[in-house]
Amino acid sequence: MTNDDIKRAAYKYAGDVNRNRKSGIESYSVVDFMEGAKWRINSVWHDATEKPNLGELIIVEVYGRIWEYGKSDVCDISHPAARWAYMKDLIPNMEE
């Protein structure tokens, strides 16, 4: 998902939510949507100082590139610029 994808979805959301009223708050709806999307994307990532649970499936990113993925091990996260996420947190949860 790119920033442009998020922006398009935000404008669509603002149009849908504010369809029957033009109150000048449409731009707030766009900003709120985009901030929420960015929060959700970033909320699953952990920095290298936090260690994953052993045996959990993870993905490790260093400088914007995937470095490693698979079951976590004690030496998985050694690069200070690394960040990691549990694979299960990256898969959409359609419950609720």
PDB file of N, CA and C in Angstrom:
ATOM      1  N   MET A   1       0.849  -1.161   0.000  1.00  0.00           N
ATOM      2  CA  MET A   1       0.000   0.000   0.000  1.00  0.00           C
ATOM      3  C   MET A   1       0.902   1.233   0.000  1.00  0.00           C
ATOM      4  N   THR A   2       0.646   2.141  -0.903  1.00  0.00           N
ATOM      5  CA  THR A   2       1.448   3.355  -1.004  1.00  0.00           C
ATOM      6  C   THR A   2       0.711   4.529  -0.363  1.00  0.00           C
ATOM      7  N   ASN A   3       1.418   5.636  -0.184  1.00  0.00           N
ATOM      8  CA  ASN A   3       0.773   6.851   0.330  1.00  0.00           C
ATOM      9  C   ASN A   3      -0.338   7.317  -0.602  1.00  0.00           C
ATOM     10  N   ASP A   4      -0.143   7.163  -1.906  1.00  0.00           N
ATOM     11  CA  ASP A   4      -1.191   7.544  -2.867  1.00  0.00           C
ATOM     12  C   ASP A   4      -2.439   6.693  -2.692  1.00  0.00           C
ATOM     13  N   ASP A   5      -2.266   5.388  -2.428  1.00  0.00           N
ATOM     14  CA  ASP A   5      -3.411   4.508  -2.168  1.00  0.00           C
ATOM     15  C   ASP A   5      -4.183   4.978  -0.943  1.00  0.00           C
ATOM     16  N   ILE A   6      -3.443   5.340   0.097  1.00  0.00           N
ATOM     17  CA  ILE A   6      -4.082   5.820   1.327  1.00  0.00           C
ATOM     18  C   ILE A   6      -4.816   7.126   1.066  1.00  0.00           C
ATOM     19  N   LYS A   7      -4.183   8.022   0.308  1.00  0.00           N
ATOM     20  CA  LYS A   7      -4.807   9.319   0.020  1.00  0.00           C
ATOM     21  C   LYS A   7      -6.087   9.139  -0.788  1.00  0.00           C
ATOM     22  N   ARG A   8      -6.060   8.261  -1.784  1.00  0.00           N
ATOM     23  CA  ARG A   8      -7.274   8.010  -2.581  1.00  0.00           C
ATOM     24  C   ARG A   8      -8.390   7.454  -1.701  1.00  0.00           C
ATOM     25  N   ALA A   9      -8.042   6.513  -0.847  1.00  0.00           N
ATOM     26  CA  ALA A   9      -9.039   5.931   0.060  1.00  0.00           C
ATOM     27  C   ALA A   9      -9.567   6.983   1.029  1.00  0.00           C
ATOM     28  N   ALA A  10      -8.696   7.881   1.475  1.00  0.00           N
ATOM     29  CA  ALA A  10      -9.109   8.941   2.404  1.00  0.00           C
ATOM     30  C   ALA A  10     -10.112   9.879   1.747  1.00  0.00           C
ATOM     31  N   TYR A  11      -9.858  10.272   0.510  1.00  0.00           N
ATOM     32  CA  TYR A  11     -10.799  11.157  -0.203  1.00  0.00           C
ATOM     33  C   TYR A  11     -12.125  10.453  -0.466  1.00  0.00           C
ATOM     34  N   LYS A  12     -12.055   9.156  -0.783  1.00  0.00           N
ATOM     35  CA  LYS A  12     -13.295   8.411  -0.985  1.00  0.00           C
ATOM     36  C   LYS A  12     -14.074   8.341   0.323  1.00  0.00           C
ATOM     37  N   TYR A  13     -13.378   8.052   1.416  1.00  0.00           N
ATOM     38  CA  TYR A  13     -14.014   7.990   2.728  1.00  0.00           C
ATOM     39  C   TYR A  13     -14.649   9.337   3.073  1.00  0.00           C
ATOM     40  N   ALA A  14     -13.918  10.430   2.885  1.00  0.00           N
ATOM     41  CA  ALA A  14     -14.446  11.763   3.205  1.00  0.00           C
ATOM     42  C   ALA A  14     -15.677  12.074   2.364  1.00  0.00           C
ATOM     43  N   GLY A  15     -15.656  11.673   1.097  1.00  0.00           N
ATOM     44  CA  GLY A  15     -16.825  11.886   0.236  1.00  0.00           C
ATOM     45  C   GLY A  15     -18.016  11.075   0.691  1.00  0.00           C
ATOM     46  N   ASP A  16     -17.773   9.824   1.094  1.00  0.00           N
ATOM     47  CA  ASP A  16     -18.871   8.961   1.552  1.00  0.00           C
ATOM     48  C   ASP A  16     -19.459   9.450   2.873  1.00  0.00           C
ATOM     49  N   VAL A  17     -18.599   9.824   3.806  1.00  0.00           N
ATOM     50  CA  VAL A  17     -19.062  10.247   5.126  1.00  0.00           C
ATOM     51  C   VAL A  17     -19.796  11.575   5.065  1.00  0.00           C
ATOM     52  N   ASN A  18     -19.327  12.459   4.214  1.00  0.00           N
ATOM     53  CA  ASN A  18     -19.886  13.808   4.142  1.00  0.00           C
ATOM     54  C   ASN A  18     -20.785  14.001   2.924  1.00  0.00           C
ATOM     55  N   ARG A  19     -21.322  12.927   2.383  1.00  0.00           N
ATOM     56  CA  ARG A  19     -22.088  12.961   1.146  1.00  0.00           C
ATOM     57  C   ARG A  19     -23.276  13.923   1.218  1.00  0.00           C
ATOM     58  N   ASN A  20     -24.018  13.880   2.275  1.00  0.00           N
ATOM     59  CA  ASN A  20     -25.249  14.671   2.357  1.00  0.00           C
ATOM     60  C   ASN A  20     -25.073  16.015   3.053  1.00  0.00           C
ATOM     61  N   ARG A  21     -23.858  16.346   3.394  1.00  0.00           N
ATOM     62  CA  ARG A  21     -23.636  17.647   4.026  1.00  0.00           C
ATOM     63  C   ARG A  21     -22.292  18.211   3.579  1.00  0.00           C
ATOM     64  N   LYS A  22     -22.253  19.451   3.316  1.00  0.00           N
ATOM     65  CA  LYS A  22     -21.014  20.151   2.982  1.00  0.00           C
ATOM     66  C   LYS A  22     -20.791  21.179   4.073  1.00  0.00           C
ATOM     67  N   SER A  23     -19.976  20.809   5.032  1.00  0.00           N
ATOM     68  CA  SER A  23     -19.815  21.667   6.199  1.00  0.00           C
ATOM     69  C   SER A  23     -18.406  22.241   6.320  1.00  0.00           C
ATOM     70  N   GLY A  24     -17.545  21.923   5.383  1.00  0.00           N
ATOM     71  CA  GLY A  24     -16.178  22.410   5.465  1.00  0.00           C
ATOM     72  C   GLY A  24     -15.260  21.509   6.271  1.00  0.00           C
ATOM     73  N   ILE A  25     -15.777  20.398   6.770  1.00  0.00           N
ATOM     74  CA  ILE A  25     -14.937  19.499   7.560  1.00  0.00           C
ATOM     75  C   ILE A  25     -14.394  18.334   6.731  1.00  0.00           C
ATOM     76  N   GLU A  26     -14.654  18.344   5.444  1.00  0.00           N
ATOM     77  CA  GLU A  26     -14.192  17.241   4.595  1.00  0.00           C
ATOM     78  C   GLU A  26     -12.675  17.058   4.682  1.00  0.00           C
ATOM     79  N   SER A  27     -11.935  18.169   4.711  1.00  0.00           N
ATOM     80  CA  SER A  27     -10.479  18.050   4.762  1.00  0.00           C
ATOM     81  C   SER A  27     -10.025  17.421   6.081  1.00  0.00           C
ATOM     82  N   TYR A  28     -10.781  17.677   7.168  1.00  0.00           N
ATOM     83  CA  TYR A  28     -10.454  17.029   8.443  1.00  0.00           C
ATOM     84  C   TYR A  28     -10.672  15.519   8.343  1.00  0.00           C
ATOM     85  N   SER A  29     -11.714  15.114   7.632  1.00  0.00           N
ATOM     86  CA  SER A  29     -11.976  13.689   7.456  1.00  0.00           C
ATOM     87  C   SER A  29     -10.828  13.016   6.710  1.00  0.00           C
ATOM     88  N   VAL A  30     -10.293  13.694   5.698  1.00  0.00           N
ATOM     89  CA  VAL A  30      -9.176  13.152   4.922  1.00  0.00           C
ATOM     90  C   VAL A  30      -7.952  12.998   5.815  1.00  0.00           C
ATOM     91  N   VAL A  31      -7.617  14.044   6.560  1.00  0.00           N
ATOM     92  CA  VAL A  31      -6.438  14.012   7.428  1.00  0.00           C
ATOM     93  C   VAL A  31      -6.595  12.941   8.503  1.00  0.00           C
ATOM     94  N   ASP A  32      -7.773  12.875   9.120  1.00  0.00           N
ATOM     95  CA  ASP A  32      -8.005  11.872  10.162  1.00  0.00           C
ATOM     96  C   ASP A  32      -7.859  10.458   9.626  1.00  0.00           C
ATOM     97  N   PHE A  33      -8.414  10.207   8.436  1.00  0.00           N
ATOM     98  CA  PHE A  33      -8.308   8.889   7.815  1.00  0.00           C
ATOM     99  C   PHE A  33      -6.844   8.540   7.567  1.00  0.00           C
ATOM    100  N   MET A  34      -6.088   9.477   6.992  1.00  0.00           N
ATOM    101  CA  MET A  34      -4.692   9.215   6.655  1.00  0.00           C
ATOM    102  C   MET A  34      -3.860   8.980   7.912  1.00  0.00           C
ATOM    103  N   GLU A  35      -4.099   9.751   8.958  1.00  0.00           N
ATOM    104  CA  GLU A  35      -3.371   9.551  10.210  1.00  0.00           C
ATOM    105  C   GLU A  35      -3.706   8.192  10.823  1.00  0.00           C
ATOM    106  N   GLY A  36      -4.970   7.794  10.754  1.00  0.00           N
ATOM    107  CA  GLY A  36      -5.372   6.483  11.266  1.00  0.00           C
ATOM    108  C   GLY A  36      -4.718   5.355  10.492  1.00  0.00           C
ATOM    109  N   ALA A  37      -4.645   5.498   9.168  1.00  0.00           N
ATOM    110  CA  ALA A  37      -4.003   4.468   8.347  1.00  0.00           C
ATOM    111  C   ALA A  37      -2.515   4.359   8.670  1.00  0.00           C
ATOM    112  N   LYS A  38      -1.845   5.503   8.811  1.00  0.00           N
ATOM    113  CA  LYS A  38      -0.416   5.486   9.145  1.00  0.00           C
ATOM    114  C   LYS A  38      -0.192   4.866  10.521  1.00  0.00           C
ATOM    115  N   TRP A  39      -1.072   5.203  11.475  1.00  0.00           N
ATOM    116  CA  TRP A  39      -0.938   4.620  12.806  1.00  0.00           C
ATOM    117  C   TRP A  39      -1.053   3.095  12.719  1.00  0.00           C
ATOM    118  N   ARG A  40      -2.049   2.610  11.989  1.00  0.00           N
ATOM    119  CA  ARG A  40      -2.263   1.164  11.889  1.00  0.00           C
ATOM    120  C   ARG A  40      -1.059   0.474  11.259  1.00  0.00           C
ATOM    121  N   ILE A  41      -0.529   1.049  10.210  1.00  0.00           N
ATOM    122  CA  ILE A  41       0.628   0.456   9.535  1.00  0.00           C
ATOM    123  C   ILE A  41       1.821   0.399  10.477  1.00  0.00           C
ATOM    124  N   ASN A  42       2.080   1.477  11.184  1.00  0.00           N
ATOM    125  CA  ASN A  42       3.261   1.551  12.044  1.00  0.00           C
ATOM    126  C   ASN A  42       3.076   0.864  13.390  1.00  0.00           C
ATOM    127  N   SER A  43       1.849   0.591  13.784  1.00  0.00           N
ATOM    128  CA  SER A  43       1.603   0.039  15.117  1.00  0.00           C
ATOM    129  C   SER A  43       2.124  -1.389  15.291  1.00  0.00           C
ATOM    130  N   VAL A  44       2.321  -2.103  14.213  1.00  0.00           N
ATOM    131  CA  VAL A  44       2.755  -3.500  14.322  1.00  0.00           C
ATOM    132  C   VAL A  44       4.273  -3.651  14.389  1.00  0.00           C
ATOM    133  N   TRP A  45       5.005  -2.596  14.086  1.00  0.00           N
ATOM    134  CA  TRP A  45       6.460  -2.681  14.024  1.00  0.00           C
ATOM    135  C   TRP A  45       7.093  -2.386  15.376  1.00  0.00           C
ATOM    136  N   HIS A  46       8.129  -3.148  15.699  1.00  0.00           N
ATOM    137  CA  HIS A  46       8.878  -3.016  16.945  1.00  0.00           C
ATOM    138  C   HIS A  46      10.326  -2.688  16.587  1.00  0.00           C
ATOM    139  N   ASP A  47      11.006  -1.912  17.432  1.00  0.00           N
ATOM    140  CA  ASP A  47      12.404  -1.622  17.123  1.00  0.00           C
ATOM    141  C   ASP A  47      13.311  -2.743  17.647  1.00  0.00           C
ATOM    142  N   ALA A  48      14.593  -2.642  17.300  1.00  0.00           N
ATOM    143  CA  ALA A  48      15.544  -3.724  17.585  1.00  0.00           C
ATOM    144  C   ALA A  48      15.786  -3.929  19.074  1.00  0.00           C
ATOM    145  N   THR A  49      15.456  -2.951  19.901  1.00  0.00           N
ATOM    146  CA  THR A  49      15.677  -3.116  21.339  1.00  0.00           C
ATOM    147  C   THR A  49      14.662  -4.058  21.966  1.00  0.00           C
ATOM    148  N   GLU A  50      13.540  -4.247  21.306  1.00  0.00           N
ATOM    149  CA  GLU A  50      12.506  -5.166  21.801  1.00  0.00           C
ATOM    150  C   GLU A  50      12.691  -6.516  21.118  1.00  0.00           C
ATOM    151  N   LYS A  51      12.729  -7.561  21.885  1.00  0.00           N
ATOM    152  CA  LYS A  51      12.961  -8.898  21.328  1.00  0.00           C
ATOM    153  C   LYS A  51      11.639  -9.641  21.135  1.00  0.00           C
ATOM    154  N   PRO A  52      11.476 -10.321  19.986  1.00  0.00           N
ATOM    155  CA  PRO A  52      10.254 -11.087  19.748  1.00  0.00           C
ATOM    156  C   PRO A  52      10.214 -12.359  20.594  1.00  0.00           C
ATOM    157  N   ASN A  53       9.024 -12.908  20.750  1.00  0.00           N
ATOM    158  CA  ASN A  53       8.869 -14.187  21.440  1.00  0.00           C
ATOM    159  C   ASN A  53       9.530 -15.275  20.599  1.00  0.00           C
ATOM    160  N   LEU A  54      10.288 -16.136  21.248  1.00  0.00           N
ATOM    161  CA  LEU A  54      10.972 -17.216  20.530  1.00  0.00           C
ATOM    162  C   LEU A  54       9.965 -18.117  19.824  1.00  0.00           C
ATOM    163  N   GLY A  55      10.288 -18.493  18.602  1.00  0.00           N
ATOM    164  CA  GLY A  55       9.461 -19.412  17.844  1.00  0.00           C
ATOM    165  C   GLY A  55       8.316 -18.771  17.081  1.00  0.00           C
ATOM    166  N   GLU A  56       8.067 -17.466  17.292  1.00  0.00           N
ATOM    167  CA  GLU A  56       7.003 -16.772  16.559  1.00  0.00           C
ATOM    168  C   GLU A  56       7.486 -16.431  15.153  1.00  0.00           C
ATOM    169  N   LEU A  57       6.575 -16.453  14.189  1.00  0.00           N
ATOM    170  CA  LEU A  57       6.924 -16.037  12.833  1.00  0.00           C
ATOM    171  C   LEU A  57       7.038 -14.517  12.802  1.00  0.00           C
ATOM    172  N   ILE A  58       8.186 -14.025  12.319  1.00  0.00           N
ATOM    173  CA  ILE A  58       8.417 -12.587  12.243  1.00  0.00           C
ATOM    174  C   ILE A  58       8.976 -12.206  10.879  1.00  0.00           C
ATOM    175  N   ILE A  59       8.948 -10.920  10.605  1.00  0.00           N
ATOM    176  CA  ILE A  59       9.601 -10.360   9.431  1.00  0.00           C
ATOM    177  C   ILE A  59      10.464  -9.212   9.945  1.00  0.00           C
ATOM    178  N   VAL A  60      11.698  -9.120   9.436  1.00  0.00           N
ATOM    179  CA  VAL A  60      12.650  -8.111   9.884  1.00  0.00           C
ATOM    180  C   VAL A  60      12.976  -7.194   8.710  1.00  0.00           C
ATOM    181  N   GLU A  61      12.927  -5.888   8.984  1.00  0.00           N
ATOM    182  CA  GLU A  61      13.225  -4.885   7.965  1.00  0.00           C
ATOM    183  C   GLU A  61      14.417  -4.053   8.435  1.00  0.00           C
ATOM    184  N   VAL A  62      15.360  -3.812   7.527  1.00  0.00           N
ATOM    185  CA  VAL A  62      16.493  -2.934   7.805  1.00  0.00           C
ATOM    186  C   VAL A  62      16.587  -1.942   6.654  1.00  0.00           C
ATOM    187  N   TYR A  63      16.560  -0.661   6.987  1.00  0.00           N
ATOM    188  CA  TYR A  63      16.629   0.416   5.990  1.00  0.00           C
ATOM    189  C   TYR A  63      15.605   0.235   4.863  1.00  0.00           C
ATOM    190  N   GLY A  64      14.394  -0.157   5.220  1.00  0.00           N
ATOM    191  CA  GLY A  64      13.310  -0.259   4.249  1.00  0.00           C
ATOM    192  C   GLY A  64      13.319  -1.515   3.395  1.00  0.00           C
ATOM    193  N   ARG A  65      14.208  -2.439   3.664  1.00  0.00           N
ATOM    194  CA  ARG A  65      14.268  -3.689   2.893  1.00  0.00           C
ATOM    195  C   ARG A  65      14.083  -4.880   3.818  1.00  0.00           C
ATOM    196  N   ILE A  66      13.399  -5.880   3.313  1.00  0.00           N
ATOM    197  CA  ILE A  66      13.198  -7.094   4.106  1.00  0.00           C
ATOM    198  C   ILE A  66      14.528  -7.812   4.221  1.00  0.00           C
ATOM    199  N   TRP A  67      14.912  -8.069   5.446  1.00  0.00           N
ATOM    200  CA  TRP A  67      16.205  -8.674   5.725  1.00  0.00           C
ATOM    201  C   TRP A  67      16.058 -10.161   5.997  1.00  0.00           C
ATOM    202  N   GLU A  68      14.992 -10.507   6.679  1.00  0.00           N
ATOM    203  CA  GLU A  68      14.826 -11.890   7.105  1.00  0.00           C
ATOM    204  C   GLU A  68      13.366 -12.122   7.464  1.00  0.00           C
ATOM    205  N   TYR A  69      12.920 -13.358   7.353  1.00  0.00           N
ATOM    206  CA  TYR A  69      11.600 -13.727   7.853  1.00  0.00           C
ATOM    207  C   TYR A  69      11.610 -15.192   8.229  1.00  0.00           C
ATOM    208  N   GLY A  70      10.745 -15.537   9.139  1.00  0.00           N
ATOM    209  CA  GLY A  70      10.658 -16.916   9.610  1.00  0.00           C
ATOM    210  C   GLY A  70      10.460 -16.938  11.111  1.00  0.00           C
ATOM    211  N   LYS A  71      10.772 -18.088  11.727  1.00  0.00           N
ATOM    212  CA  LYS A  71      10.610 -18.222  13.180  1.00  0.00           C
ATOM    213  C   LYS A  71      11.718 -17.453  13.882  1.00  0.00           C
ATOM    214  N   SER A  72      11.322 -16.754  14.947  1.00  0.00           N
ATOM    215  CA  SER A  72      12.310 -15.939  15.651  1.00  0.00           C
ATOM    216  C   SER A  72      13.294 -16.808  16.416  1.00  0.00           C
ATOM    217  N   ASP A  73      14.471 -16.275  16.537  1.00  0.00           N
ATOM    218  CA  ASP A  73      15.595 -16.931  17.176  1.00  0.00           C
ATOM    219  C   ASP A  73      16.266 -15.875  18.059  1.00  0.00           C
ATOM    220  N   VAL A  74      17.086 -16.273  18.982  1.00  0.00           N
ATOM    221  CA  VAL A  74      17.704 -15.297  19.880  1.00  0.00           C
ATOM    222  C   VAL A  74      18.555 -14.267  19.153  1.00  0.00           C
ATOM    223  N   CYS A  75      19.103 -14.582  18.008  1.00  0.00           N
ATOM    224  CA  CYS A  75      19.984 -13.630  17.325  1.00  0.00           C
ATOM    225  C   CYS A  75      19.321 -12.994  16.101  1.00  0.00           C
ATOM    226  N   ASP A  76      18.011 -13.048  16.002  1.00  0.00           N
ATOM    227  CA  ASP A  76      17.317 -12.482  14.839  1.00  0.00           C
ATOM    228  C   ASP A  76      17.556 -10.988  14.648  1.00  0.00           C
ATOM    229  N   ILE A  77      17.451 -10.218  15.703  1.00  0.00           N
ATOM    230  CA  ILE A  77      17.466  -8.767  15.585  1.00  0.00           C
ATOM    231  C   ILE A  77      18.767  -8.243  16.166  1.00  0.00           C
ATOM    232  N   SER A  78      19.769  -8.051  15.326  1.00  0.00           N
ATOM    233  CA  SER A  78      21.051  -7.588  15.825  1.00  0.00           C
ATOM    234  C   SER A  78      21.432  -6.219  15.273  1.00  0.00           C
ATOM    235  N   HIS A  79      20.824  -5.774  14.194  1.00  0.00           N
ATOM    236  CA  HIS A  79      21.158  -4.497  13.581  1.00  0.00           C
ATOM    237  C   HIS A  79      20.391  -3.374  14.276  1.00  0.00           C
ATOM    238  N   PRO A  80      21.061  -2.305  14.695  1.00  0.00           N
ATOM    239  CA  PRO A  80      20.366  -1.232  15.426  1.00  0.00           C
ATOM    240  C   PRO A  80      19.313  -0.494  14.601  1.00  0.00           C
ATOM    241  N   ALA A  81      19.405  -0.537  13.275  1.00  0.00           N
ATOM    242  CA  ALA A  81      18.419   0.134  12.429  1.00  0.00           C
ATOM    243  C   ALA A  81      17.270  -0.791  12.034  1.00  0.00           C
ATOM    244  N   ALA A  82      17.271  -2.004  12.578  1.00  0.00           N
ATOM    245  CA  ALA A  82      16.247  -2.985  12.223  1.00  0.00           C
ATOM    246  C   ALA A  82      14.948  -2.694  12.957  1.00  0.00           C
ATOM    247  N   ARG A  83      13.864  -3.114  12.344  1.00  0.00           N
ATOM    248  CA  ARG A  83      12.574  -3.162  13.012  1.00  0.00           C
ATOM    249  C   ARG A  83      11.930  -4.466  12.585  1.00  0.00           C
ATOM    250  N   TRP A  84      11.024  -4.967  13.394  1.00  0.00           N
ATOM    251  CA  TRP A  84      10.429  -6.265  13.106  1.00  0.00           C
ATOM    252  C   TRP A  84       8.951  -6.237  13.461  1.00  0.00           C
ATOM    253  N   ALA A  85       8.222  -7.213  12.887  1.00  0.00           N
ATOM    254  CA  ALA A  85       6.793  -7.364  13.165  1.00  0.00           C
ATOM    255  C   ALA A  85       6.456  -8.839  13.172  1.00  0.00           C
ATOM    256  N   TYR A  86       5.486  -9.195  13.996  1.00  0.00           N
ATOM    257  CA  TYR A  86       4.955 -10.557  13.953  1.00  0.00           C
ATOM    258  C   TYR A  86       4.168 -10.695  12.652  1.00  0.00           C
ATOM    259  N   MET A  87       4.350 -11.794  11.954  1.00  0.00           N
ATOM    260  CA  MET A  87       3.639 -12.035  10.699  1.00  0.00           C
ATOM    261  C   MET A  87       2.130 -11.999  10.915  1.00  0.00           C
ATOM    262  N   LYS A  88       1.658 -12.542  12.043  1.00  0.00           N
ATOM    263  CA  LYS A  88       0.221 -12.579  12.296  1.00  0.00           C
ATOM    264  C   LYS A  88      -0.365 -11.170  12.403  1.00  0.00           C
ATOM    265  N   ASP A  89       0.444 -10.191  12.808  1.00  0.00           N
ATOM    266  CA  ASP A  89      -0.042  -8.809  12.910  1.00  0.00           C
ATOM    267  C   ASP A  89      -0.126  -8.115  11.553  1.00  0.00           C
ATOM    268  N   LEU A  90       0.547  -8.665  10.552  1.00  0.00           N
ATOM    269  CA  LEU A  90       0.518  -8.077   9.223  1.00  0.00           C
ATOM    270  C   LEU A  90      -0.629  -8.613   8.355  1.00  0.00           C
ATOM    271  N   ILE A  91      -1.234  -9.692   8.804  1.00  0.00           N
ATOM    272  CA  ILE A  91      -2.333 -10.303   8.057  1.00  0.00           C
ATOM    273  C   ILE A  91      -3.651  -9.682   8.540  1.00  0.00           C
ATOM    274  N   PRO A  92      -4.490  -9.205   7.618  1.00  0.00           N
ATOM    275  CA  PRO A  92      -5.757  -8.595   8.046  1.00  0.00           C
ATOM    276  C   PRO A  92      -6.600  -9.548   8.889  1.00  0.00           C
ATOM    277  N   ASN A  93      -7.152  -9.020   9.943  1.00  0.00           N
ATOM    278  CA  ASN A  93      -8.032  -9.781  10.823  1.00  0.00           C
ATOM    279  C   ASN A  93      -9.454  -9.360  10.514  1.00  0.00           C
ATOM    280  N   MET A  94     -10.237 -10.254   9.951  1.00  0.00           N
ATOM    281  CA  MET A  94     -11.598  -9.910   9.513  1.00  0.00           C
ATOM    282  C   MET A  94     -12.636 -10.188  10.583  1.00  0.00           C
ATOM    283  N   GLU A  95     -12.207 -10.520  11.816  1.00  0.00           N
ATOM    284  CA  GLU A  95     -13.146 -10.755  12.886  1.00  0.00           C
ATOM    285  C   GLU A  95     -13.752  -9.434  13.351  1.00  0.00           C
ATOM    286  N   GLU A  96     -14.850  -9.529  14.081  1.00  0.00           N
ATOM    287  CA  GLU A  96     -15.592  -8.414  14.651  1.00  0.00           C
ATOM    288  C   GLU A  96     -16.510  -7.823  13.667  1.00  0.00           C
TER     289      GLU A  96
END
